[in-house]
Protein backbone atom coordinates (compact mmCIF):
# COMPACT_ATOMS: atom_id res chain seq x y z
CA MET A 1 47.07 90.73 21.13
CA LYS A 2 48.60 90.84 24.39
CA LYS A 3 49.66 94.21 26.61
CA ASN A 4 52.94 94.26 27.98
CA GLY A 5 53.67 96.86 30.53
CA PHE A 6 51.26 99.67 32.59
CA THR A 7 49.54 102.27 30.72
CA LEU A 8 49.77 106.14 31.70
CA ILE A 9 46.96 106.13 34.12
CA GLU A 10 48.07 103.12 36.18
CA ILE A 11 51.54 104.97 36.53
CA LEU A 12 50.22 108.08 37.59
CA ALA A 13 47.51 106.41 39.63
CA THR A 14 50.29 104.49 41.51
CA ILE A 15 52.40 107.56 41.77
CA ILE A 16 49.68 109.57 43.53
CA ILE A 17 48.91 106.68 46.04
CA LEU A 18 52.60 106.55 47.04
CA ALA A 19 52.77 110.40 47.17
CA THR A 20 49.28 110.44 49.37
CA ILE A 21 50.98 107.65 51.63
CA SER A 22 54.36 109.59 52.03
CA LEU A 23 52.45 112.88 53.04
CA ILE A 24 50.76 111.21 55.62
CA ALA A 25 53.90 109.02 57.07
CA PHE A 26 56.50 112.15 56.80
CA PRO A 27 55.19 114.25 59.70
CA ALA A 28 54.54 111.19 61.96
CA VAL A 29 58.35 110.23 61.47
CA LEU A 30 59.57 113.49 61.70
CA ASN A 31 57.40 113.98 65.17
CA LEU A 32 59.11 110.79 66.39
CA LEU A 33 62.58 111.86 65.62
CA ASN A 34 61.68 115.54 67.71
CA SER A 35 60.45 113.13 70.00
CA SER A 36 63.22 111.32 70.76
CA ASN A 37 65.70 114.42 70.24
CA SER A 38 63.90 116.16 73.24
CA LYS A 39 64.22 112.95 75.30
CA MET A 40 67.84 112.43 74.79
CA ASP A 41 68.42 116.40 75.82
CA LYS A 42 66.45 115.89 78.87
CA ALA A 43 68.33 112.41 79.73
CA MET A 44 71.54 114.38 79.14
CA GLN A 45 70.97 117.02 81.54
CA ASP A 46 69.56 114.58 84.06
CA LEU A 47 72.63 113.21 83.74
CA MET A 48 74.88 116.01 83.91
CA ILE A 49 72.90 117.34 87.09
CA SER A 50 73.51 113.42 88.67
CA ALA A 51 77.40 113.74 87.84
CA ALA A 52 77.75 117.19 89.04
CA SER A 53 75.63 116.45 92.38
CA GLN A 54 77.95 113.68 93.03
CA TYR A 55 81.37 115.76 91.82
CA VAL A 56 80.08 118.06 94.93
CA ASP A 57 79.26 115.21 97.76
CA ASP A 58 83.17 114.32 96.75
CA HIS A 59 84.35 117.85 96.87
CA VAL A 60 82.42 119.98 99.64
CA ASP A 61 85.26 121.87 100.39
CA ASP A 62 85.15 123.44 96.69
CA PHE A 63 81.49 124.39 97.40
CA PRO A 64 81.15 125.47 101.01
CA LYS A 65 77.68 126.07 102.40
CA ALA A 66 76.55 129.55 102.90
CA LEU A 67 76.78 131.30 106.32
CA GLU A 68 73.45 130.20 108.59
CA ASN A 69 73.08 134.21 109.48
CA GLN A 70 72.59 135.34 105.50
CA SER A 71 69.39 136.08 104.63
CA VAL A 72 67.20 133.65 102.65
CA LYS A 73 67.29 135.73 99.30
CA SER A 74 71.18 135.83 99.43
CA TYR A 75 73.08 132.94 98.17
CA GLY A 76 76.26 131.32 99.07
CA THR A 77 79.26 130.24 96.95
CA SER A 78 78.48 129.13 93.53
CA GLY A 79 80.24 127.36 91.11
CA ASN A 80 80.17 125.90 87.32
CA LEU A 81 80.85 122.36 86.22
CA THR A 82 81.11 121.83 82.56
CA GLY A 83 80.48 118.43 80.85
CA GLU A 84 84.28 118.53 79.77
CA LYS A 85 85.04 118.65 83.34
CA LEU A 86 82.62 115.98 84.37
CA LEU A 87 84.09 113.98 81.54
CA GLU A 88 87.84 114.61 82.47
CA TYR A 89 87.13 113.84 86.34
CA GLY A 90 85.50 110.62 85.76
CA TYR A 91 81.86 111.49 86.36
CA ILE A 92 80.46 110.90 83.15
CA SER A 93 81.87 108.08 81.03
CA ASP A 94 83.28 108.48 77.57
CA ALA A 95 80.24 106.22 76.33
CA LYS A 96 77.65 108.48 77.67
CA LEU A 97 79.17 111.83 76.58
CA SER A 98 81.73 111.04 73.65
CA THR A 99 83.00 113.63 71.78
CA ASP A 100 81.67 112.22 68.37
CA LYS A 101 78.18 111.98 69.17
CA ASN A 102 77.01 114.12 71.87
CA CYS A 103 80.10 116.76 71.82
CA GLU A 104 77.38 119.50 72.23
CA TYR A 105 77.19 118.97 75.99
CA LEU A 106 80.49 119.59 76.72
CA ASP A 107 80.34 123.50 76.66
CA ASP A 108 77.08 123.16 78.68
CA TYR A 109 77.40 123.30 82.40
CA VAL A 110 75.75 122.87 85.80
CA LYS A 111 75.67 125.59 87.88
CA VAL A 112 76.19 124.75 91.65
CA THR A 113 75.02 127.27 94.08
CA SER A 114 74.75 126.72 97.91
CA ASN A 115 72.56 128.44 100.46
CA SER A 116 72.27 127.64 103.93
CA LYS A 117 70.59 124.51 103.67
CA LYS A 118 71.16 122.83 100.66
CA TYR A 119 72.59 122.78 97.18
CA LEU A 120 71.05 124.11 94.33
CA TYR A 121 71.97 122.30 90.63
CA GLU A 122 70.76 124.35 87.39
CA TYR A 123 71.57 123.22 84.15
CA ILE A 124 73.11 125.76 81.67
CA GLN A 125 73.09 125.27 77.91
CA VAL A 126 75.68 127.06 75.98
CA ASN A 127 74.18 128.00 72.64
CA THR A 128 76.64 126.69 69.79
CA ASN A 129 74.88 126.04 66.67
CA SER A 130 78.30 124.11 65.31
CA LYS A 131 78.35 120.21 65.60
CA CYS A 132 82.22 120.27 67.32
């Protein structure tokens, strides 16, 4: 007499093997996703700082240099450029900072401070937990 189908032991062994493979693969996939998200965050920060630098170069009068006679510890004029403003002014394209995918970057801003010699750019992340 021929046997059709699988025995209970064969099915359980297959399930155990698949579970073991998934336990090994899941952390690797999760680490890959986290790594790509952190690289995306860094790329967006660099993009916004670059866009703010271009904006400051084009609008030097809005961000004047500090006076030469000020001490090293005191800073000159500062200003904030949000992602939304950089998008509105055309320094970041809609494709890079779309309101659907990367809308959490719209509220983040770049703090621009000038001392007597150069401009300092600092990326500030606004802590919003909502996905637009």
